[in-house]
Amino acid sequence: MDFGTVLIISAVVAAVIMLLGIADVLRLGRERFLAAGRRRTDWILLIIFVGPPAVLLYAAAVRPQLVHPDRYADDPAEVPRSTVASGNLQ
């Protein structure tokens, strides 16, 4: 395999990772981002301009806060009921 083939495969893999990251940001919805104090547009732009490292940062640091806001709230009473799964909050 020559360098050109490796470069093309790497570019395709990076593009797929970026598209999956953007799809996940869009899938979660604006309300969850607002409840977590984050802006969805910022993460989409960061993924577009930085690439796969931004997707890794999003997946490791931001996505858990959006999916499970009750785990990251200082006071569980502050978490909006629409973002918390029923029965998980005590």
C-alpha atoms as a PDB file:
ATOM      1  CA  MET A   1       0.000   0.000   0.000  1.00  0.00           C
ATOM      2  CA  ASP A   2       1.467   3.336  -0.993  1.00  0.00           C
ATOM      3  CA  PHE A   3       1.230   6.658   0.830  1.00  0.00           C
ATOM      4  CA  GLY A   4      -1.625   7.955  -1.344  1.00  0.00           C
ATOM      5  CA  THR A   5      -3.861   5.026  -0.462  1.00  0.00           C
ATOM      6  CA  VAL A   6      -3.152   5.402   3.250  1.00  0.00           C
ATOM      7  CA  LEU A   7      -3.914   9.114   3.017  1.00  0.00           C
ATOM      8  CA  ILE A   8      -7.229   8.528   1.261  1.00  0.00           C
ATOM      9  CA  ILE A   9      -8.290   5.856   3.751  1.00  0.00           C
ATOM     10  CA  SER A  10      -7.351   8.141   6.664  1.00  0.00           C
ATOM     11  CA  ALA A  11      -9.340  11.017   5.168  1.00  0.00           C
ATOM     12  CA  VAL A  12     -12.408   8.826   4.680  1.00  0.00           C
ATOM     13  CA  VAL A  13     -12.209   7.498   8.248  1.00  0.00           C
ATOM     14  CA  ALA A  14     -11.830  11.056   9.604  1.00  0.00           C
ATOM     15  CA  ALA A  15     -14.827  12.227   7.553  1.00  0.00           C
ATOM     16  CA  VAL A  16     -16.979   9.361   8.822  1.00  0.00           C
ATOM     17  CA  ILE A  17     -16.021  10.111  12.439  1.00  0.00           C
ATOM     18  CA  MET A  18     -16.869  13.778  11.937  1.00  0.00           C
ATOM     19  CA  LEU A  19     -20.225  12.995  10.315  1.00  0.00           C
ATOM     20  CA  LEU A  20     -21.147  10.630  13.145  1.00  0.00           C
ATOM     21  CA  GLY A  21     -20.197  13.297  15.688  1.00  0.00           C
ATOM     22  CA  ILE A  22     -22.283  15.960  13.971  1.00  0.00           C
ATOM     23  CA  ALA A  23     -25.212  13.536  13.665  1.00  0.00           C
ATOM     24  CA  ASP A  24     -25.028  12.836  17.393  1.00  0.00           C
ATOM     25  CA  VAL A  25     -24.966  16.544  18.247  1.00  0.00           C
ATOM     26  CA  LEU A  26     -28.019  17.131  16.063  1.00  0.00           C
ATOM     27  CA  ARG A  27     -29.820  14.044  17.376  1.00  0.00           C
ATOM     28  CA  LEU A  28     -29.649  15.083  21.027  1.00  0.00           C
ATOM     29  CA  GLY A  29     -31.578  18.292  20.428  1.00  0.00           C
ATOM     30  CA  ARG A  30     -31.223  21.907  21.379  1.00  0.00           C
ATOM     31  CA  GLU A  31     -33.086  21.595  24.697  1.00  0.00           C
ATOM     32  CA  ARG A  32     -30.511  19.273  26.232  1.00  0.00           C
ATOM     33  CA  PHE A  33     -27.672  21.593  25.243  1.00  0.00           C
ATOM     34  CA  LEU A  34     -29.462  24.611  26.706  1.00  0.00           C
ATOM     35  CA  ALA A  35     -30.209  22.727  29.936  1.00  0.00           C
ATOM     36  CA  ALA A  36     -26.503  21.872  30.243  1.00  0.00           C
ATOM     37  CA  GLY A  37     -25.463  25.471  29.522  1.00  0.00           C
ATOM     38  CA  ARG A  38     -23.824  24.636  26.196  1.00  0.00           C
ATOM     39  CA  ARG A  39     -24.400  25.703  22.614  1.00  0.00           C
ATOM     40  CA  ARG A  40     -24.968  23.111  19.931  1.00  0.00           C
ATOM     41  CA  THR A  41     -23.715  25.391  17.160  1.00  0.00           C
ATOM     42  CA  ASP A  42     -20.344  25.767  18.871  1.00  0.00           C
ATOM     43  CA  TRP A  43     -19.821  22.007  18.946  1.00  0.00           C
ATOM     44  CA  ILE A  44     -20.837  21.570  15.313  1.00  0.00           C
ATOM     45  CA  LEU A  45     -18.377  24.268  14.229  1.00  0.00           C
ATOM     46  CA  LEU A  46     -15.654  22.832  16.448  1.00  0.00           C
ATOM     47  CA  ILE A  47     -16.128  19.389  14.907  1.00  0.00           C
ATOM     48  CA  ILE A  48     -16.030  20.843  11.382  1.00  0.00           C
ATOM     49  CA  PHE A  49     -12.851  22.869  11.927  1.00  0.00           C
ATOM     50  CA  VAL A  50     -10.890  20.632  14.338  1.00  0.00           C
ATOM     51  CA  GLY A  51     -12.071  17.219  13.183  1.00  0.00           C
ATOM     52  CA  PRO A  52     -11.891  13.880  14.993  1.00  0.00           C
ATOM     53  CA  PRO A  53     -10.137  15.243  18.119  1.00  0.00           C
ATOM     54  CA  ALA A  54     -13.173  17.494  18.681  1.00  0.00           C
ATOM     55  CA  VAL A  55     -15.472  14.481  18.329  1.00  0.00           C
ATOM     56  CA  LEU A  56     -13.446  12.642  20.967  1.00  0.00           C
ATOM     57  CA  LEU A  57     -13.600  15.656  23.285  1.00  0.00           C
ATOM     58  CA  TYR A  58     -17.361  15.941  22.766  1.00  0.00           C
ATOM     59  CA  ALA A  59     -17.893  12.213  23.377  1.00  0.00           C
ATOM     60  CA  ALA A  60     -15.778  12.166  26.529  1.00  0.00           C
ATOM     61  CA  ALA A  61     -16.624  15.483  28.184  1.00  0.00           C
ATOM     62  CA  VAL A  62     -19.916  16.869  26.883  1.00  0.00           C
ATOM     63  CA  ARG A  63     -22.120  13.993  25.744  1.00  0.00           C
ATOM     64  CA  PRO A  64     -22.303  12.336  29.204  1.00  0.00           C
ATOM     65  CA  GLN A  65     -23.551  15.632  30.674  1.00  0.00           C
ATOM     66  CA  LEU A  66     -26.253  15.833  28.019  1.00  0.00           C
ATOM     67  CA  VAL A  67     -27.401  12.230  28.258  1.00  0.00           C
ATOM     68  CA  HIS A  68     -27.300  11.958  32.084  1.00  0.00           C
ATOM     69  CA  PRO A  69     -27.756  15.496  33.472  1.00  0.00           C
ATOM     70  CA  ASP A  70     -28.822  14.179  36.886  1.00  0.00           C
ATOM     71  CA  ARG A  71     -25.321  12.761  37.455  1.00  0.00           C
ATOM     72  CA  TYR A  72     -23.670  16.154  36.909  1.00  0.00           C
ATOM     73  CA  ALA A  73     -26.057  18.516  38.711  1.00  0.00           C
ATOM     74  CA  ASP A  74     -24.882  20.140  41.951  1.00  0.00           C
ATOM     75  CA  ASP A  75     -28.432  20.011  43.272  1.00  0.00           C
ATOM     76  CA  PRO A  76     -30.652  17.313  41.727  1.00  0.00           C
ATOM     77  CA  ALA A  77     -33.663  19.572  42.240  1.00  0.00           C
ATOM     78  CA  GLU A  78     -32.190  21.986  39.665  1.00  0.00           C
ATOM     79  CA  VAL A  79     -32.361  19.450  36.830  1.00  0.00           C
ATOM     80  CA  PRO A  80     -35.377  20.067  34.578  1.00  0.00           C
ATOM     81  CA  ARG A  81     -37.811  17.170  34.756  1.00  0.00           C
ATOM     82  CA  SER A  82     -37.950  16.889  30.958  1.00  0.00           C
ATOM     83  CA  THR A  83     -34.274  15.875  30.853  1.00  0.00           C
ATOM     84  CA  VAL A  84     -34.318  13.326  33.645  1.00  0.00           C
ATOM     85  CA  ALA A  85     -35.520   9.773  33.112  1.00  0.00           C
ATOM     86  CA  SER A  86     -38.368   8.960  35.467  1.00  0.00           C
ATOM     87  CA  GLY A  87     -37.396   7.062  38.577  1.00  0.00           C
ATOM     88  CA  ASN A  88     -33.656   7.689  38.352  1.00  0.00           C
ATOM     89  CA  LEU A  89     -33.565  10.806  40.488  1.00  0.00           C
ATOM     90  CA  GLN A  90     -33.768  10.427  44.244  1.00  0.00           C
END
